[in-house]
Amino acid sequence: MSIWKTKPLSVLLNEASESEKGLKRTLSSRSLVALGVGAIIGAGLFSLTGIAAAEHAGPAVTLSFVLAAVGCAFAGLCYAEFASMIPVAGSAYTYSYATMGEFMAWIIGWDLVLEYALGAATVGVSWSRYLLNY
């Protein structure tokens, strides 16, 4: 058994249609946008951005926002392409399983868990700093 084996698209689609226990698509586009905006607009966006702009970036912070927006747009287009190519639930884990193999999917799945934990910790630190100041 190779760690680099991939799952063909036909197998993924078949498993998604047959499985009663599998992941179901229940979020609408509006719900997904709200989830993304809620994750971005934590305390960190408003408090840490101003501090970074004042102490490090200065007026060039506008250019950094434009550059970040371009990067986010490309990432969104990549996710849209994957979602139209592999229309099953599972996000980046499923996309990587179908294209790069089981081992890379396992790494990406754990990276997503760590990313969400780090994001929650960052917002928690920002909120605690905000509450200590006021």
C-alpha atoms as a PDB file:
ATOM      1  CA  MET A   1       0.000   0.000   0.000  1.00  0.00           C
ATOM      2  CA  SER A   2       1.549   3.245  -1.145  1.00  0.00           C
ATOM      3  CA  ILE A   3       1.172   6.501   0.757  1.00  0.00           C
ATOM      4  CA  TRP A   4       1.078   8.327  -2.577  1.00  0.00           C
ATOM      5  CA  LYS A   5      -2.045   6.577  -3.887  1.00  0.00           C
ATOM      6  CA  THR A   6      -4.830   8.836  -5.058  1.00  0.00           C
ATOM      7  CA  LYS A   7      -8.572   8.303  -5.281  1.00  0.00           C
ATOM      8  CA  PRO A   8     -10.112   8.609  -8.719  1.00  0.00           C
ATOM      9  CA  LEU A   9     -12.910  11.136  -9.108  1.00  0.00           C
ATOM     10  CA  SER A  10     -15.417   8.388  -9.930  1.00  0.00           C
ATOM     11  CA  VAL A  11     -14.698   6.674  -6.589  1.00  0.00           C
ATOM     12  CA  LEU A  12     -15.066   9.939  -4.663  1.00  0.00           C
ATOM     13  CA  LEU A  13     -18.384  10.725  -6.329  1.00  0.00           C
ATOM     14  CA  ASN A  14     -19.642   7.171  -5.783  1.00  0.00           C
ATOM     15  CA  GLU A  15     -18.704   7.218  -2.090  1.00  0.00           C
ATOM     16  CA  ALA A  16     -20.384  10.602  -1.626  1.00  0.00           C
ATOM     17  CA  SER A  17     -23.629   9.440  -3.216  1.00  0.00           C
ATOM     18  CA  GLU A  18     -23.771   6.060  -1.422  1.00  0.00           C
ATOM     19  CA  SER A  19     -22.668   7.050   2.046  1.00  0.00           C
ATOM     20  CA  GLU A  20     -25.320   7.931   4.589  1.00  0.00           C
ATOM     21  CA  LYS A  21     -22.685   8.703   7.209  1.00  0.00           C
ATOM     22  CA  GLY A  22     -20.563  10.912   4.956  1.00  0.00           C
ATOM     23  CA  LEU A  23     -20.290  14.649   4.968  1.00  0.00           C
ATOM     24  CA  LYS A  24     -23.322  16.445   3.592  1.00  0.00           C
ATOM     25  CA  ARG A  25     -23.337  19.846   1.947  1.00  0.00           C
ATOM     26  CA  THR A  26     -25.590  21.874   4.208  1.00  0.00           C
ATOM     27  CA  LEU A  27     -24.120  25.386   4.079  1.00  0.00           C
ATOM     28  CA  SER A  28     -25.346  27.794   1.462  1.00  0.00           C
ATOM     29  CA  SER A  29     -23.122  30.285  -0.322  1.00  0.00           C
ATOM     30  CA  ARG A  30     -24.352  33.017   1.983  1.00  0.00           C
ATOM     31  CA  SER A  31     -23.509  30.910   5.054  1.00  0.00           C
ATOM     32  CA  LEU A  32     -20.012  30.223   3.759  1.00  0.00           C
ATOM     33  CA  VAL A  33     -19.367  33.902   3.098  1.00  0.00           C
ATOM     34  CA  ALA A  34     -20.629  34.755   6.588  1.00  0.00           C
ATOM     35  CA  LEU A  35     -18.364  32.095   8.079  1.00  0.00           C
ATOM     36  CA  GLY A  36     -15.358  33.472   6.214  1.00  0.00           C
ATOM     37  CA  VAL A  37     -16.095  37.076   7.133  1.00  0.00           C
ATOM     38  CA  GLY A  38     -16.649  36.058  10.750  1.00  0.00           C
ATOM     39  CA  ALA A  39     -13.293  34.309  10.838  1.00  0.00           C
ATOM     40  CA  ILE A  40     -11.516  37.288   9.293  1.00  0.00           C
ATOM     41  CA  ILE A  41     -13.233  40.006  11.290  1.00  0.00           C
ATOM     42  CA  GLY A  42     -12.129  38.826  14.669  1.00  0.00           C
ATOM     43  CA  ALA A  43     -10.590  41.189  17.087  1.00  0.00           C
ATOM     44  CA  GLY A  44      -7.271  40.913  15.277  1.00  0.00           C
ATOM     45  CA  LEU A  45      -8.375  42.726  12.143  1.00  0.00           C
ATOM     46  CA  PHE A  46      -9.256  45.930  13.913  1.00  0.00           C
ATOM     47  CA  SER A  47      -6.732  46.099  16.732  1.00  0.00           C
ATOM     48  CA  LEU A  48      -3.579  44.507  15.340  1.00  0.00           C
ATOM     49  CA  THR A  49      -3.811  46.084  11.898  1.00  0.00           C
ATOM     50  CA  GLY A  50      -3.742  49.593  13.291  1.00  0.00           C
ATOM     51  CA  ILE A  51      -0.793  48.808  15.532  1.00  0.00           C
ATOM     52  CA  ALA A  52       1.165  47.244  12.674  1.00  0.00           C
ATOM     53  CA  ALA A  53       0.396  50.164  10.376  1.00  0.00           C
ATOM     54  CA  ALA A  54       1.405  52.761  12.950  1.00  0.00           C
ATOM     55  CA  GLU A  55       4.602  51.086  14.134  1.00  0.00           C
ATOM     56  CA  HIS A  56       5.928  49.304  11.048  1.00  0.00           C
ATOM     57  CA  ALA A  57       4.252  49.994   7.717  1.00  0.00           C
ATOM     58  CA  GLY A  58       3.051  53.552   7.647  1.00  0.00           C
ATOM     59  CA  PRO A  59       1.283  54.612   4.445  1.00  0.00           C
ATOM     60  CA  ALA A  60       2.457  51.479   2.600  1.00  0.00           C
ATOM     61  CA  VAL A  61      -0.128  49.476   4.529  1.00  0.00           C
ATOM     62  CA  THR A  62      -2.611  50.294   1.757  1.00  0.00           C
ATOM     63  CA  LEU A  63      -0.403  48.552  -0.774  1.00  0.00           C
ATOM     64  CA  SER A  64      -0.076  45.536   1.497  1.00  0.00           C
ATOM     65  CA  PHE A  65      -3.872  45.281   1.692  1.00  0.00           C
ATOM     66  CA  VAL A  66      -4.121  45.419  -2.107  1.00  0.00           C
ATOM     67  CA  LEU A  67      -1.434  42.747  -2.445  1.00  0.00           C
ATOM     68  CA  ALA A  68      -3.180  40.565   0.134  1.00  0.00           C
ATOM     69  CA  ALA A  69      -6.495  41.013  -1.690  1.00  0.00           C
ATOM     70  CA  VAL A  70      -4.926  39.813  -4.950  1.00  0.00           C
ATOM     71  CA  GLY A  71      -3.506  36.761  -3.172  1.00  0.00           C
ATOM     72  CA  CYS A  72      -6.885  36.023  -1.568  1.00  0.00           C
ATOM     73  CA  ALA A  73      -8.622  36.351  -4.932  1.00  0.00           C
ATOM     74  CA  PHE A  74      -6.265  33.797  -6.483  1.00  0.00           C
ATOM     75  CA  ALA A  75      -6.750  31.437  -3.535  1.00  0.00           C
ATOM     76  CA  GLY A  76     -10.527  31.797  -3.899  1.00  0.00           C
ATOM     77  CA  LEU A  77     -10.321  31.045  -7.617  1.00  0.00           C
ATOM     78  CA  CYS A  78      -8.260  27.929  -6.872  1.00  0.00           C
ATOM     79  CA  TYR A  79     -10.851  26.700  -4.372  1.00  0.00           C
ATOM     80  CA  ALA A  80     -13.623  27.427  -6.873  1.00  0.00           C
ATOM     81  CA  GLU A  81     -11.800  25.400  -9.523  1.00  0.00           C
ATOM     82  CA  PHE A  82     -11.295  22.465  -7.154  1.00  0.00           C
ATOM     83  CA  ALA A  83     -14.906  22.610  -5.964  1.00  0.00           C
ATOM     84  CA  SER A  84     -16.215  22.494  -9.527  1.00  0.00           C
ATOM     85  CA  MET A  85     -13.798  19.704 -10.455  1.00  0.00           C
ATOM     86  CA  ILE A  86     -14.468  17.566  -7.346  1.00  0.00           C
ATOM     87  CA  PRO A  87     -18.030  18.386  -6.207  1.00  0.00           C
ATOM     88  CA  VAL A  88     -18.015  16.495  -2.887  1.00  0.00           C
ATOM     89  CA  ALA A  89     -17.699  17.659   0.711  1.00  0.00           C
ATOM     90  CA  GLY A  90     -14.307  17.562   2.360  1.00  0.00           C
ATOM     91  CA  SER A  91     -12.546  20.750   1.277  1.00  0.00           C
ATOM     92  CA  ALA A  92      -8.784  20.764   0.851  1.00  0.00           C
ATOM     93  CA  TYR A  93      -8.428  17.250   2.306  1.00  0.00           C
ATOM     94  CA  THR A  94     -10.559  15.719  -0.447  1.00  0.00           C
ATOM     95  CA  TYR A  95      -8.991  17.831  -3.175  1.00  0.00           C
ATOM     96  CA  SER A  96      -5.493  16.813  -2.143  1.00  0.00           C
ATOM     97  CA  TYR A  97      -6.500  13.152  -1.745  1.00  0.00           C
ATOM     98  CA  ALA A  98      -7.731  13.120  -5.332  1.00  0.00           C
ATOM     99  CA  THR A  99      -4.735  14.935  -6.771  1.00  0.00           C
ATOM    100  CA  MET A 100      -1.649  14.378  -4.590  1.00  0.00           C
ATOM    101  CA  GLY A 101      -2.374  11.242  -2.589  1.00  0.00           C
ATOM    102  CA  GLU A 102      -3.285   9.993   0.843  1.00  0.00           C
ATOM    103  CA  PHE A 103      -0.135  11.166   2.654  1.00  0.00           C
ATOM    104  CA  MET A 104      -0.391  14.755   1.415  1.00  0.00           C
ATOM    105  CA  ALA A 105      -4.110  14.768   2.224  1.00  0.00           C
ATOM    106  CA  TRP A 106      -3.310  13.677   5.779  1.00  0.00           C
ATOM    107  CA  ILE A 107      -0.753  16.486   6.135  1.00  0.00           C
ATOM    108  CA  ILE A 108      -3.121  19.070   4.684  1.00  0.00           C
ATOM    109  CA  GLY A 109      -5.962  17.890   6.934  1.00  0.00           C
ATOM    110  CA  TRP A 110      -3.828  18.363  10.037  1.00  0.00           C
ATOM    111  CA  ASP A 111      -2.552  21.693   8.720  1.00  0.00           C
ATOM    112  CA  LEU A 112      -6.153  22.889   8.506  1.00  0.00           C
ATOM    113  CA  VAL A 113      -6.793  21.849  12.118  1.00  0.00           C
ATOM    114  CA  LEU A 114      -3.657  23.680  13.246  1.00  0.00           C
ATOM    115  CA  GLU A 115      -4.589  26.733  11.168  1.00  0.00           C
ATOM    116  CA  TYR A 116      -7.993  27.013  12.830  1.00  0.00           C
ATOM    117  CA  ALA A 117      -6.446  26.548  16.287  1.00  0.00           C
ATOM    118  CA  LEU A 118      -3.845  29.230  15.620  1.00  0.00           C
ATOM    119  CA  GLY A 119      -6.496  31.588  14.255  1.00  0.00           C
ATOM    120  CA  ALA A 120      -8.647  31.097  17.353  1.00  0.00           C
ATOM    121  CA  ALA A 121      -5.625  31.659  19.607  1.00  0.00           C
ATOM    122  CA  THR A 122      -4.739  34.871  17.768  1.00  0.00           C
ATOM    123  CA  VAL A 123      -8.244  36.241  18.176  1.00  0.00           C
ATOM    124  CA  GLY A 124      -8.196  35.208  21.839  1.00  0.00           C
ATOM    125  CA  VAL A 125      -4.919  37.062  22.448  1.00  0.00           C
ATOM    126  CA  SER A 126      -6.266  40.126  20.701  1.00  0.00           C
ATOM    127  CA  TRP A 127      -9.502  40.119  22.708  1.00  0.00           C
ATOM    128  CA  SER A 128      -7.606  39.694  25.978  1.00  0.00           C
ATOM    129  CA  ARG A 129      -5.296  42.598  25.077  1.00  0.00           C
ATOM    130  CA  TYR A 130      -8.351  44.697  24.202  1.00  0.00           C
ATOM    131  CA  LEU A 131     -10.132  43.850  27.457  1.00  0.00           C
ATOM    132  CA  LEU A 132      -7.043  44.609  29.554  1.00  0.00           C
ATOM    133  CA  ASN A 133      -6.769  48.090  28.018  1.00  0.00           C
ATOM    134  CA  TYR A 134     -10.415  49.012  28.641  1.00  0.00           C
END
